[in-house]
Amino acid sequence: MDFHSNNKVLITGINGFTGKYLKKYLEELNYEVYGLSNTIDEKKDKIFSCDINNQDELNLIIKNLQPNYIFHLAAISNVQHSDLVEMYKVNVIGTQNVLNASLKVKKYLKKIILASSATVYGNQTEKVLHENLVPNPINHYGISKLAMEQIAKTYFDELPILITRPFNYTAPGHSEHFVVPKIAKAFINNEKTIELGNIEVYREYNSIDYVLRVYFELMNSKSTGEIVNIASGKTHSLKEIISIFSKLSGHLIDIKINPQFVRKNEIITLAGDIVKLKKIIKIPKDNNIENVVNQFLNTNY
């Protein structure tokens, strides 16, 4: 009997940045991967067109699939998204709909992994952010993700849920709404100048490979009914990132600070505590910022 014959994985938001990488990663490990997406142009094998705010449609698909694992990645993740009603409907009500549908197949489920966000922490006095801090989100995206978490907690007694708070990670294919892909494109195209906001903010810039391995280990862990950071604890300023791009590409770019790109209530430092993560899984190695930059430089835009 095939070891993975009963290991069906359902990924919501499978056509998003993380979903595409996670699908490929799990398929290479011989998992049977299915997906939900609202951005399908044509019917694709094992990917279903579905609006997660359509409860009946969601119920039918999940009931028929009977997945063993669910990665709920579908979300509006652009902090500056203009339609706030849509953001809350997708990020909060959409999650509730996924969990309601999951109740109907709970006897098959081994794990539901929900992707929240490190932005729920907001600005904190602590330099390294751990899961026991009181969340203090300062934008609608962070607030919507915190609301998602609170709703998910009401299902802890009925479903094997693990809530993750990923800190920044990136790779080729990430939208240019995000700053590292924007910087990468400028270097690849040998542009002379680039307009940015605050380049003195510190973030983790973890590799997609690191995040995928963490997701996989968490999927197979015994941990449920709790919240855990997906982080490395290593931060870099955008100024450092630009310097690494310059060093590895041999190209210099003039940085122009555009006040319009400086966000109000900017979180200055976002670094995740990994003590809890280390208790649940063995932390993957080779999460190197220069490898991340090289991935971009070796990609055609």
Protein backbone atom coordinates (compact mmCIF):
# COMPACT_ATOMS: atom_id res chain seq x y z
CA MET A 1 0.00 0.00 0.00
CA ASP A 2 1.33 3.44 -0.93
CA PHE A 3 2.41 5.32 2.21
CA HIS A 4 0.70 8.48 0.98
CA SER A 5 -2.40 6.81 -0.49
CA ASN A 6 -4.56 8.27 2.28
CA ASN A 7 -2.64 11.52 2.52
CA LYS A 8 -4.63 14.02 0.52
CA VAL A 9 -3.66 17.66 0.93
CA LEU A 10 -6.01 20.53 0.14
CA ILE A 11 -4.47 23.98 -0.33
CA THR A 12 -6.75 27.02 -0.42
CA GLY A 13 -5.23 29.86 -2.42
CA ILE A 14 -3.19 27.32 -4.37
CA ASN A 15 -2.52 29.76 -7.21
CA GLY A 16 -1.05 32.33 -4.83
CA PHE A 17 2.65 32.84 -4.21
CA THR A 18 3.04 30.31 -1.38
CA GLY A 19 0.40 27.92 -2.72
CA LYS A 20 2.25 27.30 -5.99
CA TYR A 21 5.51 26.53 -4.20
CA LEU A 22 3.81 24.34 -1.58
CA LYS A 23 1.97 22.34 -4.25
CA LYS A 24 5.21 21.55 -6.08
CA TYR A 25 7.03 20.74 -2.82
CA LEU A 26 4.40 18.28 -1.58
CA GLU A 27 3.89 16.64 -4.98
CA GLU A 28 7.62 15.93 -5.13
CA LEU A 29 7.13 14.07 -1.83
CA ASN A 30 4.34 12.04 -3.50
CA TYR A 31 1.45 13.67 -1.69
CA GLU A 32 -1.85 13.93 -3.53
CA VAL A 33 -2.38 17.69 -3.72
CA TYR A 34 -5.67 19.42 -4.48
CA GLY A 35 -6.37 23.12 -4.50
CA LEU A 36 -8.97 25.84 -4.35
CA SER A 37 -8.57 29.10 -6.22
CA ASN A 38 -10.73 31.97 -7.41
CA THR A 39 -8.23 32.84 -10.15
CA ILE A 40 -8.55 29.89 -12.52
CA ASP A 41 -8.75 30.80 -16.21
CA GLU A 42 -9.38 27.22 -17.29
CA LYS A 43 -10.08 23.93 -15.56
CA LYS A 44 -6.92 22.37 -14.17
CA ASP A 45 -6.46 18.88 -12.81
CA LYS A 46 -7.06 18.74 -9.04
CA ILE A 47 -7.63 22.52 -8.79
CA PHE A 48 -11.18 23.69 -8.21
CA SER A 49 -12.56 27.14 -8.87
CA CYS A 50 -14.14 28.25 -5.62
CA ASP A 51 -14.95 31.45 -3.76
CA ILE A 52 -14.34 30.66 -0.08
CA ASN A 53 -17.22 32.97 0.76
CA ASN A 54 -19.57 30.54 -0.98
CA GLN A 55 -20.27 28.14 1.90
CA ASP A 56 -22.36 25.68 -0.11
CA GLU A 57 -19.75 25.35 -2.85
CA LEU A 58 -17.00 24.96 -0.27
CA ASN A 59 -18.95 22.30 1.63
CA LEU A 60 -19.48 20.25 -1.52
CA ILE A 61 -15.84 20.31 -2.64
CA ILE A 62 -14.38 19.49 0.77
CA LYS A 63 -16.99 16.79 1.46
CA ASN A 64 -16.17 15.09 -1.85
CA LEU A 65 -12.39 15.38 -1.41
CA GLN A 66 -12.21 14.18 2.21
CA PRO A 67 -8.72 15.68 2.68
CA ASN A 68 -6.32 14.54 5.39
CA TYR A 69 -4.53 17.88 5.56
CA ILE A 70 -5.70 21.40 4.81
CA PHE A 71 -3.41 24.40 4.32
CA HIS A 72 -5.58 27.49 4.43
CA LEU A 73 -3.50 30.07 2.58
CA ALA A 74 -6.25 31.97 0.74
CA ALA A 75 -6.19 35.61 1.83
CA ILE A 76 -5.87 39.20 0.75
CA SER A 77 -2.33 39.91 1.90
CA ASN A 78 -1.63 43.34 0.42
CA VAL A 79 -1.53 45.65 3.46
CA GLN A 80 -2.62 48.58 1.28
CA HIS A 81 -5.57 46.77 -0.34
CA SER A 82 -8.23 49.41 -0.98
CA ASP A 83 -11.39 47.32 -0.50
CA LEU A 84 -11.47 46.76 3.26
CA VAL A 85 -14.84 45.02 3.20
CA GLU A 86 -13.45 42.45 0.77
CA MET A 87 -10.34 42.00 2.94
CA TYR A 88 -12.40 41.20 6.04
CA LYS A 89 -14.81 38.96 4.12
CA VAL A 90 -11.98 36.87 2.67
CA ASN A 91 -9.59 36.82 5.63
CA VAL A 92 -12.15 36.41 8.42
CA ILE A 93 -15.46 35.05 7.12
CA GLY A 94 -13.68 32.99 4.46
CA THR A 95 -11.68 31.24 7.17
CA GLN A 96 -14.82 30.52 9.17
CA ASN A 97 -16.37 29.01 6.05
CA VAL A 98 -13.36 26.73 5.52
CA LEU A 99 -13.56 25.55 9.13
CA ASN A 100 -17.32 24.99 8.91
CA ALA A 101 -16.80 22.84 5.81
CA SER A 102 -13.99 20.97 7.58
CA LEU A 103 -16.34 19.91 10.38
CA LYS A 104 -18.16 17.72 7.87
CA VAL A 105 -14.99 15.69 7.14
CA LYS A 106 -13.25 15.90 10.51
CA LYS A 107 -12.92 12.12 10.86
CA TYR A 108 -10.48 12.19 7.92
CA LEU A 109 -8.50 15.24 9.03
CA LYS A 110 -5.05 14.96 10.58
CA LYS A 111 -4.16 18.65 10.53
CA ILE A 112 -5.49 22.03 9.44
CA ILE A 113 -2.77 24.66 9.14
CA LEU A 114 -3.99 28.25 9.08
CA ALA A 115 -1.69 30.97 7.77
CA SER A 116 -2.07 34.03 9.97
CA SER A 117 0.65 36.70 9.94
CA ALA A 118 3.36 38.25 12.09
CA THR A 119 1.64 41.59 11.49
CA VAL A 120 -0.80 40.70 14.30
CA TYR A 121 1.97 41.65 16.75
CA GLY A 122 2.09 45.26 15.58
CA ASN A 123 4.57 47.51 17.38
CA GLN A 124 5.82 45.89 20.58
CA THR A 125 8.37 46.87 23.20
CA GLU A 126 9.98 43.43 22.85
CA LYS A 127 12.64 43.17 20.16
CA VAL A 128 11.97 39.50 19.46
CA LEU A 129 8.30 38.62 19.22
CA HIS A 130 6.99 35.50 20.94
CA GLU A 131 3.57 33.92 20.78
CA ASN A 132 2.53 34.92 24.32
CA LEU A 133 2.67 38.65 23.58
CA VAL A 134 -0.67 40.46 23.48
CA PRO A 135 -1.32 41.19 19.78
CA ASN A 136 -1.41 44.86 18.83
CA PRO A 137 -2.11 45.07 15.08
CA ILE A 138 -1.82 48.54 13.58
CA ASN A 139 -3.35 48.03 10.14
CA HIS A 140 -6.46 46.37 8.74
CA TYR A 141 -4.56 43.39 7.40
CA GLY A 142 -3.16 42.61 10.85
CA ILE A 143 -6.56 43.18 12.46
CA SER A 144 -8.23 40.84 9.97
CA LYS A 145 -5.67 38.13 10.67
CA LEU A 146 -6.10 38.50 14.43
CA ALA A 147 -9.87 38.17 13.98
CA MET A 148 -9.22 35.04 11.93
CA GLU A 149 -7.18 33.59 14.78
CA GLN A 150 -9.88 34.34 17.34
CA ILE A 151 -12.52 32.63 15.21
CA ALA A 152 -10.24 29.62 14.69
CA LYS A 153 -9.79 29.22 18.45
CA THR A 154 -13.50 28.51 18.80
CA TYR A 155 -12.94 25.38 16.67
CA PHE A 156 -9.92 24.08 18.63
CA ASP A 157 -12.00 21.48 20.50
CA GLU A 158 -13.46 20.07 17.30
CA LEU A 159 -10.71 20.30 14.68
CA PRO A 160 -6.91 19.62 14.64
CA ILE A 161 -5.97 23.25 13.96
CA LEU A 162 -2.51 24.78 14.10
CA ILE A 163 -2.30 28.55 13.59
CA THR A 164 0.96 29.81 12.11
CA ARG A 165 2.30 33.35 12.17
CA PRO A 166 4.77 33.57 9.28
CA PHE A 167 7.32 36.35 9.32
CA ASN A 168 8.58 37.81 6.03
CA TYR A 169 9.73 35.38 3.37
CA THR A 170 10.17 35.81 -0.34
CA ALA A 171 11.23 34.21 -3.62
CA PRO A 172 10.81 34.72 -7.37
CA GLY A 173 7.12 34.89 -8.21
CA HIS A 174 6.31 37.14 -5.27
CA SER A 175 4.23 40.16 -6.27
CA GLU A 176 6.01 43.46 -6.83
CA HIS A 177 3.62 44.93 -4.26
CA PHE A 178 6.30 43.51 -1.94
CA VAL A 179 9.57 45.35 -1.68
CA VAL A 180 12.22 42.66 -2.31
CA PRO A 181 10.77 41.60 -5.70
CA LYS A 182 10.58 45.28 -6.62
CA ILE A 183 14.24 45.76 -5.71
CA ALA A 184 15.20 42.56 -7.55
CA LYS A 185 13.52 43.70 -10.76
CA ALA A 186 15.36 47.02 -10.62
CA PHE A 187 18.73 45.27 -10.33
CA ILE A 188 17.95 42.68 -13.00
CA ASN A 189 16.94 45.44 -15.41
CA ASN A 190 20.02 47.51 -14.51
CA GLU A 191 17.88 50.48 -13.58
CA LYS A 192 19.70 53.61 -12.46
CA THR A 193 17.32 54.63 -9.67
CA ILE A 194 14.59 53.12 -7.53
CA GLU A 195 12.01 54.83 -5.34
CA LEU A 196 11.42 53.27 -1.95
CA GLY A 197 9.94 54.15 1.42
CA ASN A 198 11.72 53.68 4.74
CA ILE A 199 14.83 51.55 4.14
CA GLU A 200 15.74 51.47 7.83
CA VAL A 201 12.97 49.00 8.74
CA TYR A 202 14.16 45.57 9.86
CA ARG A 203 12.43 42.41 8.71
CA GLU A 204 13.11 38.74 8.38
CA TYR A 205 13.66 37.79 4.75
CA ASN A 206 13.47 34.02 4.97
CA SER A 207 13.76 31.74 1.96
CA ILE A 208 10.70 30.01 0.55
CA ASP A 209 12.55 26.69 0.92
CA TYR A 210 12.89 27.29 4.66
CA VAL A 211 9.20 28.11 5.03
CA LEU A 212 8.10 25.07 3.00
CA ARG A 213 10.18 22.73 5.13
CA VAL A 214 8.76 24.30 8.30
CA TYR A 215 5.21 23.92 6.99
CA PHE A 216 5.89 20.27 6.15
CA GLU A 217 7.35 19.51 9.58
CA LEU A 218 4.42 21.26 11.29
CA MET A 219 1.98 19.32 9.13
CA ASN A 220 3.45 16.06 10.41
CA SER A 221 3.87 17.20 14.02
CA LYS A 222 1.52 16.32 16.87
CA SER A 223 0.97 19.99 17.65
CA THR A 224 -2.62 21.28 17.45
CA GLY A 225 -4.76 23.83 19.25
CA GLU A 226 -2.04 26.47 19.44
CA ILE A 227 -0.24 29.29 17.68
CA VAL A 228 3.37 29.14 16.47
CA ASN A 229 5.70 31.54 14.67
CA ILE A 230 7.24 30.57 11.36
CA ALA A 231 10.40 32.58 11.75
CA SER A 232 14.18 32.46 11.94
CA GLY A 233 14.82 35.37 14.30
CA LYS A 234 17.28 36.87 11.79
CA THR A 235 16.48 40.37 10.52
CA HIS A 236 17.95 42.64 7.86
CA SER A 237 17.21 46.24 6.97
CA LEU A 238 16.23 47.10 3.40
CA LYS A 239 19.46 49.05 3.24
CA GLU A 240 21.34 45.78 3.87
CA ILE A 241 19.25 43.94 1.28
CA ILE A 242 20.09 46.56 -1.35
CA SER A 243 23.76 46.28 -0.45
CA ILE A 244 23.66 42.49 -0.94
CA PHE A 245 21.95 42.90 -4.32
CA SER A 246 24.69 45.37 -5.31
CA LYS A 247 27.46 43.05 -4.17
CA LEU A 248 26.11 39.96 -5.93
CA SER A 249 25.02 41.70 -9.14
CA GLY A 250 27.89 44.16 -9.47
CA HIS A 251 25.35 46.90 -10.15
CA LEU A 252 24.78 50.10 -8.19
CA ILE A 253 21.40 51.81 -7.90
CA ASP A 254 20.61 55.29 -6.64
CA ILE A 255 17.98 55.03 -3.89
CA LYS A 256 15.39 57.80 -3.77
CA ILE A 257 13.16 57.94 -0.70
CA ASN A 258 9.59 58.73 -1.73
CA PRO A 259 7.56 60.02 1.26
CA GLN A 260 4.41 58.57 -0.35
CA PHE A 261 5.89 55.09 0.08
CA VAL A 262 6.54 55.58 3.80
CA ARG A 263 3.69 53.86 5.61
CA LYS A 264 1.92 55.43 8.53
CA ASN A 265 2.35 53.42 11.73
CA GLU A 266 5.29 51.53 10.21
CA ILE A 267 6.44 48.59 12.30
CA ILE A 268 10.18 49.22 12.67
CA THR A 269 11.35 45.70 13.57
CA LEU A 270 9.69 42.34 13.02
CA ALA A 271 11.75 39.42 14.32
CA GLY A 272 10.21 36.18 15.47
CA ASP A 273 11.04 34.15 18.54
CA ILE A 274 11.61 30.50 17.54
CA VAL A 275 11.76 28.87 20.99
CA LYS A 276 8.28 27.38 20.62
CA LEU A 277 8.90 26.34 17.01
CA LYS A 278 12.07 24.50 18.08
CA LYS A 279 10.07 22.55 20.65
CA ILE A 280 7.70 21.31 17.95
CA ILE A 281 10.06 20.61 15.03
CA LYS A 282 13.70 20.42 14.10
CA ILE A 283 14.57 23.80 12.57
CA PRO A 284 15.74 23.53 8.93
CA LYS A 285 19.17 24.91 8.03
CA ASP A 286 20.49 26.82 5.01
CA ASN A 287 18.21 29.83 5.41
CA ASN A 288 20.67 32.33 3.98
CA ILE A 289 19.80 35.84 2.77
CA GLU A 290 22.41 35.69 0.00
CA ASN A 291 20.75 32.53 -1.34
CA VAL A 292 17.45 34.42 -1.43
CA VAL A 293 19.01 37.28 -3.38
CA ASN A 294 20.73 34.88 -5.79
CA GLN A 295 17.39 33.18 -6.49
CA PHE A 296 16.04 36.51 -7.69
CA LEU A 297 19.12 37.45 -9.70
CA ASN A 298 18.94 34.12 -11.55
CA THR A 299 15.33 34.75 -12.56
CA ASN A 300 14.22 36.65 -15.65
CA TYR A 301 11.66 39.40 -15.06
